[in-house]
C-alpha atoms as a PDB file:
ATOM      1  CA  MET A   1      10.215  -5.173 -17.529  1.00  0.00           C
ATOM      2  CA  VAL A   2       7.359  -3.656 -15.485  1.00  0.00           C
ATOM      3  CA  VAL A   3       7.860  -6.254 -12.760  1.00  0.00           C
ATOM      4  CA  ALA A   4      11.639  -5.893 -12.637  1.00  0.00           C
ATOM      5  CA  GLU A   5      11.779  -2.093 -12.852  1.00  0.00           C
ATOM      6  CA  ASN A   6       8.775  -1.082 -10.731  1.00  0.00           C
ATOM      7  CA  PHE A   7       8.818  -3.795  -8.086  1.00  0.00           C
ATOM      8  CA  GLY A   8      12.418  -5.052  -8.082  1.00  0.00           C
ATOM      9  CA  LEU A   9      11.264  -8.668  -8.465  1.00  0.00           C
ATOM     10  CA  ASP A  10      12.908 -11.484 -10.410  1.00  0.00           C
ATOM     11  CA  LEU A  11      10.821 -12.633 -13.380  1.00  0.00           C
ATOM     12  CA  TYR A  12      12.544 -16.006 -13.563  1.00  0.00           C
ATOM     13  CA  ASN A  13      12.062 -17.342 -10.014  1.00  0.00           C
ATOM     14  CA  ASN A  14       9.011 -19.611 -10.461  1.00  0.00           C
ATOM     15  CA  SER A  15       6.505 -16.850  -9.720  1.00  0.00           C
ATOM     16  CA  LEU A  16       3.196 -15.966 -11.304  1.00  0.00           C
ATOM     17  CA  PHE A  17       2.641 -12.228 -11.796  1.00  0.00           C
ATOM     18  CA  LEU A  18      -0.895 -10.856 -12.081  1.00  0.00           C
ATOM     19  CA  PHE A  19      -1.830  -7.580 -13.762  1.00  0.00           C
ATOM     20  CA  CYS A  20      -5.120  -5.735 -14.008  1.00  0.00           C
ATOM     21  CA  GLY A  21      -5.847  -2.661 -16.104  1.00  0.00           C
ATOM     22  CA  SER A  22      -8.557  -0.080 -15.580  1.00  0.00           C
ATOM     23  CA  ARG A  23     -11.323  -2.656 -16.040  1.00  0.00           C
ATOM     24  CA  ASN A  24     -11.477  -4.771 -12.892  1.00  0.00           C
ATOM     25  CA  ASP A  25     -13.389  -7.594 -14.560  1.00  0.00           C
ATOM     26  CA  ARG A  26     -10.272  -9.106 -16.169  1.00  0.00           C
ATOM     27  CA  PHE A  27      -6.612  -9.729 -15.480  1.00  0.00           C
ATOM     28  CA  LYS A  28      -3.491 -11.161 -17.118  1.00  0.00           C
ATOM     29  CA  ALA A  29      -1.015 -13.568 -15.568  1.00  0.00           C
ATOM     30  CA  LEU A  30       2.637 -13.888 -16.601  1.00  0.00           C
ATOM     31  CA  TYR A  31       4.720 -16.989 -15.832  1.00  0.00           C
ATOM     32  CA  TRP A  32       8.229 -18.071 -16.905  1.00  0.00           C
ATOM     33  CA  ASP A  33       8.463 -21.848 -17.588  1.00  0.00           C
ATOM     34  CA  ASP A  34      12.251 -22.036 -18.244  1.00  0.00           C
ATOM     35  CA  GLU A  35      11.699 -21.853 -22.013  1.00  0.00           C
ATOM     36  CA  GLY A  36       9.649 -18.698 -22.384  1.00  0.00           C
ATOM     37  CA  PHE A  37       6.806 -16.704 -20.894  1.00  0.00           C
ATOM     38  CA  ILE A  38       3.258 -17.995 -20.647  1.00  0.00           C
ATOM     39  CA  LEU A  39       0.541 -15.334 -20.745  1.00  0.00           C
ATOM     40  CA  LEU A  40      -2.866 -16.197 -19.303  1.00  0.00           C
ATOM     41  CA  TYR A  41      -5.955 -14.031 -19.641  1.00  0.00           C
ATOM     42  CA  LYS A  42      -9.046 -14.291 -17.425  1.00  0.00           C
ATOM     43  CA  ARG A  43     -12.270 -12.322 -17.818  1.00  0.00           C
ATOM     44  CA  TYR A  44     -15.195 -12.558 -15.432  1.00  0.00           C
ATOM     45  CA  GLU A  45     -18.655 -12.627 -16.959  1.00  0.00           C
ATOM     46  CA  ASN A  46     -20.297 -11.263 -13.801  1.00  0.00           C
ATOM     47  CA  GLY A  47     -18.697  -9.027 -11.209  1.00  0.00           C
ATOM     48  CA  SER A  48     -15.288  -7.501 -10.793  1.00  0.00           C
ATOM     49  CA  LEU A  49     -12.272  -7.609  -8.507  1.00  0.00           C
ATOM     50  CA  ARG A  50     -10.848  -5.233  -5.956  1.00  0.00           C
ATOM     51  CA  TRP A  51      -7.316  -4.744  -7.236  1.00  0.00           C
ATOM     52  CA  PRO A  52      -4.240  -3.005  -5.736  1.00  0.00           C
ATOM     53  CA  LYS A  53      -4.068   0.660  -6.746  1.00  0.00           C
ATOM     54  CA  ASN A  54      -0.383   1.251  -5.932  1.00  0.00           C
ATOM     55  CA  LYS A  55       2.863  -0.488  -4.923  1.00  0.00           C
ATOM     56  CA  SER A  56       2.047  -0.452  -1.218  1.00  0.00           C
ATOM     57  CA  GLU A  57      -1.128  -2.475  -1.831  1.00  0.00           C
ATOM     58  CA  VAL A  58       0.612  -5.256  -3.815  1.00  0.00           C
ATOM     59  CA  LYS A  59       0.377  -8.601  -2.008  1.00  0.00           C
ATOM     60  CA  GLU A  60       1.724 -12.101  -2.355  1.00  0.00           C
ATOM     61  CA  LEU A  61      -1.062 -14.650  -2.779  1.00  0.00           C
ATOM     62  CA  LYS A  62      -1.188 -17.993  -1.000  1.00  0.00           C
ATOM     63  CA  PRO A  63      -2.160 -21.017  -3.142  1.00  0.00           C
ATOM     64  CA  GLU A  64      -5.716 -21.041  -1.766  1.00  0.00           C
ATOM     65  CA  GLN A  65      -6.091 -17.321  -2.578  1.00  0.00           C
ATOM     66  CA  LEU A  66      -4.877 -17.956  -6.125  1.00  0.00           C
ATOM     67  CA  ASN A  67      -7.421 -20.782  -6.490  1.00  0.00           C
ATOM     68  CA  ALA A  68     -10.155 -18.423  -5.300  1.00  0.00           C
ATOM     69  CA  LEU A  69      -9.088 -15.823  -7.870  1.00  0.00           C
ATOM     70  CA  PHE A  70      -9.128 -18.337 -10.737  1.00  0.00           C
ATOM     71  CA  THR A  71     -12.587 -19.583  -9.736  1.00  0.00           C
ATOM     72  CA  GLY A  72     -14.044 -16.062  -9.686  1.00  0.00           C
ATOM     73  CA  LEU A  73     -13.867 -15.275  -5.974  1.00  0.00           C
ATOM     74  CA  SER A  74     -12.011 -12.391  -4.383  1.00  0.00           C
ATOM     75  CA  PRO A  75      -8.717 -13.528  -2.814  1.00  0.00           C
ATOM     76  CA  PHE A  76      -9.055 -10.653  -0.325  1.00  0.00           C
ATOM     77  CA  PRO A  77     -12.583 -10.664   1.091  1.00  0.00           C
ATOM     78  CA  GLU A  78     -13.722  -7.281   2.339  1.00  0.00           C
ATOM     79  CA  ARG A  79     -13.801  -6.914   6.091  1.00  0.00           C
ATOM     80  CA  ARG A  80     -16.976  -5.253   7.256  1.00  0.00           C
ATOM     81  CA  ILE A  81     -16.239  -4.321  10.840  1.00  0.00           C
ATOM     82  CA  HIS A  82     -17.742  -1.096  12.128  1.00  0.00           C
ATOM     83  CA  THR A  83     -16.157   0.623  15.074  1.00  0.00           C
ATOM     84  CA  ILE A  84     -18.301   2.364  17.635  1.00  0.00           C
ATOM     85  CA  LYS A  85     -17.044   5.680  18.896  1.00  0.00           C
ATOM     86  CA  PRO A  86     -17.191   6.322  22.643  1.00  0.00           C
ATOM     87  CA  GLY A  87     -20.323   8.228  23.527  1.00  0.00           C
ATOM     88  CA  ASN A  88     -22.346   6.646  20.702  1.00  0.00           C
ATOM     89  CA  LEU A  89     -23.382   3.615  22.728  1.00  0.00           C
ATOM     90  CA  TYR A  90     -27.093   3.247  23.345  1.00  0.00           C
END
């Protein structure tokens, strides 16, 4: 019901829904297989994930991003680009 009510998405359309609580070292996945729901649980032994904090941060994952997530890598690598303000050039 969380998926349908909060995000307006169809639970039965061959999608995998991922949820993370307050501890970013584990997540649950929910999938409908035409007979019932499958619930998967993944916990990382080392490290944690950056996870969406609100509806605007929710993203659809590509298959390669999902594979990265299941193997313990972040599907959204952090970009580390620093901008230089005018006048601060040496």
